[in-house]
């Protein structure tokens, strides 16, 4: 959860908006933490990993393939 909080704040600083995928991941981890004492360490680890994978896939899909590309400057277009 600490990783997601730090990442969402870092990305908010540079992009100016909060990503829904990270917020949902924080909420899902908070819900999981509520039930953590009733779960075995293996189950807790698997569920935590599954939540992080969902957040990563959601972020990749929401940003789309064009998000990683940098726009060309006017000097390279001329």
N, C-alpha and C. Protein backbone atom coordinates (compact mmCIF):
# COMPACT_ATOMS: atom_id res chain seq x y z
N UNK A 1 0.83 -1.19 0.00
CA UNK A 1 0.00 0.00 0.00
C UNK A 1 0.88 1.25 0.00
N UNK A 2 1.98 1.18 0.72
CA UNK A 2 2.90 2.32 0.77
C UNK A 2 3.45 2.63 -0.62
N UNK A 3 3.76 1.58 -1.39
CA UNK A 3 4.24 1.77 -2.76
C UNK A 3 3.20 2.49 -3.61
N UNK A 4 1.95 2.06 -3.52
CA UNK A 4 0.90 2.69 -4.33
C UNK A 4 0.65 4.13 -3.92
N UNK A 5 0.69 4.41 -2.63
CA UNK A 5 0.50 5.78 -2.16
C UNK A 5 1.64 6.68 -2.67
N UNK A 6 2.87 6.20 -2.55
CA UNK A 6 4.01 6.97 -3.05
C UNK A 6 3.96 7.19 -4.54
N UNK A 7 3.58 6.15 -5.27
CA UNK A 7 3.51 6.24 -6.73
C UNK A 7 2.40 7.19 -7.18
N UNK A 8 1.25 7.12 -6.52
CA UNK A 8 0.15 7.99 -6.92
C UNK A 8 0.49 9.46 -6.63
N UNK A 9 1.17 9.72 -5.53
CA UNK A 9 1.57 11.09 -5.23
C UNK A 9 2.65 11.59 -6.19
N UNK A 10 3.59 10.71 -6.53
CA UNK A 10 4.65 11.08 -7.48
C UNK A 10 4.06 11.39 -8.85
N UNK A 11 3.17 10.52 -9.33
CA UNK A 11 2.57 10.75 -10.65
C UNK A 11 1.65 11.96 -10.65
N UNK A 12 1.00 12.22 -9.52
CA UNK A 12 0.15 13.42 -9.43
C UNK A 12 1.00 14.68 -9.56
N UNK A 13 2.20 14.65 -9.00
CA UNK A 13 3.09 15.80 -9.07
C UNK A 13 3.48 16.11 -10.51
N UNK A 14 3.74 15.08 -11.31
CA UNK A 14 4.21 15.28 -12.68
C UNK A 14 3.09 15.36 -13.70
N UNK A 15 2.01 14.63 -13.50
CA UNK A 15 0.94 14.60 -14.50
C UNK A 15 -0.23 15.52 -14.16
N UNK A 16 -0.39 15.83 -12.89
CA UNK A 16 -1.46 16.72 -12.48
C UNK A 16 -2.81 16.06 -12.25
N UNK A 17 -2.86 14.73 -12.29
CA UNK A 17 -4.11 14.03 -12.00
C UNK A 17 -3.80 12.73 -11.27
N UNK A 18 -4.80 12.23 -10.58
CA UNK A 18 -4.65 10.97 -9.84
C UNK A 18 -5.16 9.83 -10.70
N UNK A 19 -4.43 8.72 -10.69
CA UNK A 19 -4.85 7.56 -11.48
C UNK A 19 -5.83 6.72 -10.69
N UNK A 20 -6.94 6.40 -11.33
CA UNK A 20 -7.98 5.61 -10.71
C UNK A 20 -7.48 4.22 -10.35
N UNK A 21 -6.61 3.65 -11.18
CA UNK A 21 -6.11 2.30 -10.91
C UNK A 21 -5.37 2.23 -9.58
N UNK A 22 -4.56 3.23 -9.29
CA UNK A 22 -3.82 3.24 -8.03
C UNK A 22 -4.75 3.45 -6.84
N UNK A 23 -5.72 4.33 -7.00
CA UNK A 23 -6.69 4.56 -5.94
C UNK A 23 -7.50 3.30 -5.64
N UNK A 24 -7.89 2.60 -6.69
CA UNK A 24 -8.64 1.36 -6.50
C UNK A 24 -7.76 0.30 -5.83
N UNK A 25 -6.49 0.26 -6.19
CA UNK A 25 -5.57 -0.68 -5.57
C UNK A 25 -5.40 -0.40 -4.09
N UNK A 26 -5.33 0.87 -3.72
CA UNK A 26 -5.21 1.25 -2.31
C UNK A 26 -6.46 0.82 -1.55
N UNK A 27 -7.62 1.03 -2.14
CA UNK A 27 -8.88 0.63 -1.50
C UNK A 27 -8.94 -0.90 -1.36
N UNK A 28 -8.56 -1.62 -2.42
CA UNK A 28 -8.59 -3.09 -2.35
C UNK A 28 -7.62 -3.62 -1.29
N UNK A 29 -6.44 -3.02 -1.19
CA UNK A 29 -5.49 -3.44 -0.16
C UNK A 29 -5.98 -3.11 1.24
N UNK A 30 -6.67 -1.99 1.38
CA UNK A 30 -7.23 -1.62 2.69
C UNK A 30 -8.32 -2.62 3.11
N UNK A 31 -9.14 -3.04 2.16
CA UNK A 31 -10.16 -4.05 2.45
C UNK A 31 -9.49 -5.37 2.81
N UNK A 32 -8.46 -5.73 2.06
CA UNK A 32 -7.73 -6.97 2.35
C UNK A 32 -7.08 -6.90 3.73
N UNK A 33 -6.58 -5.76 4.12
CA UNK A 33 -5.95 -5.60 5.43
C UNK A 33 -6.96 -5.84 6.55
N UNK A 34 -8.21 -5.49 6.31
CA UNK A 34 -9.25 -5.69 7.31
C UNK A 34 -9.41 -7.18 7.64
N UNK A 35 -9.26 -8.04 6.60
CA UNK A 35 -9.43 -9.48 6.78
C UNK A 35 -8.11 -10.22 6.92
N UNK A 36 -7.01 -9.53 7.03
CA UNK A 36 -5.68 -10.15 7.01
C UNK A 36 -5.46 -11.13 8.15
N UNK A 37 -6.00 -10.86 9.31
CA UNK A 37 -5.76 -11.76 10.44
C UNK A 37 -6.44 -13.11 10.27
N UNK A 38 -7.48 -13.18 9.45
CA UNK A 38 -8.20 -14.43 9.24
C UNK A 38 -7.60 -15.26 8.10
N UNK A 39 -6.61 -14.71 7.39
CA UNK A 39 -6.03 -15.39 6.25
C UNK A 39 -4.66 -15.96 6.58
N UNK A 40 -4.31 -17.02 5.89
CA UNK A 40 -2.97 -17.57 6.06
C UNK A 40 -1.98 -16.65 5.34
N UNK A 41 -0.71 -16.70 5.73
CA UNK A 41 0.28 -15.86 5.05
C UNK A 41 0.37 -16.12 3.54
N UNK A 42 0.22 -17.37 3.13
CA UNK A 42 0.27 -17.70 1.71
C UNK A 42 -0.92 -17.08 0.97
N UNK A 43 -2.10 -17.20 1.51
CA UNK A 43 -3.29 -16.62 0.89
C UNK A 43 -3.18 -15.10 0.84
N UNK A 44 -2.72 -14.51 1.91
CA UNK A 44 -2.54 -13.06 1.95
C UNK A 44 -1.54 -12.59 0.90
N UNK A 45 -0.46 -13.34 0.75
CA UNK A 45 0.55 -13.01 -0.25
C UNK A 45 -0.01 -13.13 -1.67
N UNK A 46 -0.75 -14.19 -1.92
CA UNK A 46 -1.35 -14.39 -3.25
C UNK A 46 -2.35 -13.29 -3.58
N UNK A 47 -3.19 -12.94 -2.64
CA UNK A 47 -4.19 -11.89 -2.87
C UNK A 47 -3.54 -10.52 -3.06
N UNK A 48 -2.50 -10.24 -2.30
CA UNK A 48 -1.78 -8.97 -2.45
C UNK A 48 -1.12 -8.89 -3.82
N UNK A 49 -0.49 -9.98 -4.24
CA UNK A 49 0.13 -10.01 -5.56
C UNK A 49 -0.90 -9.86 -6.66
N UNK A 50 -2.06 -10.51 -6.50
CA UNK A 50 -3.12 -10.40 -7.49
C UNK A 50 -3.62 -8.96 -7.61
N UNK A 51 -3.75 -8.27 -6.49
CA UNK A 51 -4.19 -6.87 -6.51
C UNK A 51 -3.17 -6.01 -7.23
N UNK A 52 -1.89 -6.22 -6.96
CA UNK A 52 -0.85 -5.42 -7.63
C UNK A 52 -0.82 -5.70 -9.14
N UNK A 53 -1.07 -6.94 -9.54
CA UNK A 53 -1.12 -7.27 -10.96
C UNK A 53 -2.31 -6.59 -11.62
N UNK A 54 -3.45 -6.59 -10.95
CA UNK A 54 -4.63 -5.90 -11.48
C UNK A 54 -4.35 -4.42 -11.67
N UNK A 55 -3.70 -3.79 -10.70
CA UNK A 55 -3.36 -2.37 -10.80
C UNK A 55 -2.41 -2.13 -11.98
N UNK A 56 -1.41 -2.98 -12.13
CA UNK A 56 -0.44 -2.82 -13.22
C UNK A 56 -1.09 -2.98 -14.59
N UNK A 57 -1.95 -3.99 -14.74
CA UNK A 57 -2.63 -4.21 -16.02
C UNK A 57 -3.58 -3.07 -16.31
N UNK A 58 -4.33 -2.64 -15.29
CA UNK A 58 -5.28 -1.53 -15.46
C UNK A 58 -4.55 -0.27 -15.88
N UNK A 59 -3.42 0.02 -15.25
CA UNK A 59 -2.65 1.21 -15.61
C UNK A 59 -2.13 1.11 -17.04
N UNK A 60 -1.64 -0.04 -17.43
CA UNK A 60 -1.13 -0.22 -18.79
C UNK A 60 -2.23 -0.02 -19.82
N UNK A 61 -3.40 -0.55 -19.55
CA UNK A 61 -4.52 -0.40 -20.48
C UNK A 61 -5.01 1.03 -20.52
N UNK A 62 -5.10 1.68 -19.36
CA UNK A 62 -5.63 3.04 -19.32
C UNK A 62 -4.70 4.05 -19.96
N UNK A 63 -3.40 3.82 -19.85
CA UNK A 63 -2.46 4.75 -20.48
C UNK A 63 -2.35 4.52 -21.97
N UNK A 64 -2.62 3.33 -22.41
CA UNK A 64 -2.61 3.02 -23.84
C UNK A 64 -1.20 2.95 -24.40
N UNK A 65 -1.10 2.48 -25.65
CA UNK A 65 0.22 2.31 -26.26
C UNK A 65 0.91 3.62 -26.60
N UNK A 66 0.17 4.70 -26.79
CA UNK A 66 0.77 5.97 -27.16
C UNK A 66 1.29 6.78 -26.00
N UNK A 67 1.06 6.33 -24.77
CA UNK A 67 1.47 7.11 -23.60
C UNK A 67 2.97 7.12 -23.42
N UNK A 68 3.65 6.07 -23.85
CA UNK A 68 5.10 5.98 -23.64
C UNK A 68 5.88 6.73 -24.72
N UNK A 69 5.23 7.05 -25.82
CA UNK A 69 5.92 7.74 -26.91
C UNK A 69 6.02 9.23 -26.61
N UNK A 70 7.17 9.79 -26.91
CA UNK A 70 7.37 11.22 -26.73
C UNK A 70 7.02 11.93 -28.03
N UNK A 71 6.38 13.08 -27.94
CA UNK A 71 6.12 13.82 -29.17
C UNK A 71 7.41 14.38 -29.75
N UNK A 72 7.46 14.44 -31.07
CA UNK A 72 8.67 14.96 -31.73
C UNK A 72 8.67 16.47 -31.64
N UNK A 73 9.88 17.00 -31.56
CA UNK A 73 10.00 18.46 -31.52
C UNK A 73 9.88 19.02 -32.93
N UNK A 74 9.71 20.34 -33.03
CA UNK A 74 9.58 20.97 -34.34
C UNK A 74 10.86 20.85 -35.15
N UNK A 75 12.00 20.79 -34.49
CA UNK A 75 13.28 20.70 -35.18
C UNK A 75 13.40 19.37 -35.92
N UNK A 76 12.90 18.30 -35.35
CA UNK A 76 13.00 17.00 -36.02
C UNK A 76 11.95 16.83 -37.10
N UNK A 77 10.87 17.61 -37.03
CA UNK A 77 9.82 17.53 -38.06
C UNK A 77 10.21 18.31 -39.30
N UNK A 78 11.07 19.31 -39.19
CA UNK A 78 11.40 20.17 -40.32
C UNK A 78 12.37 19.56 -41.28
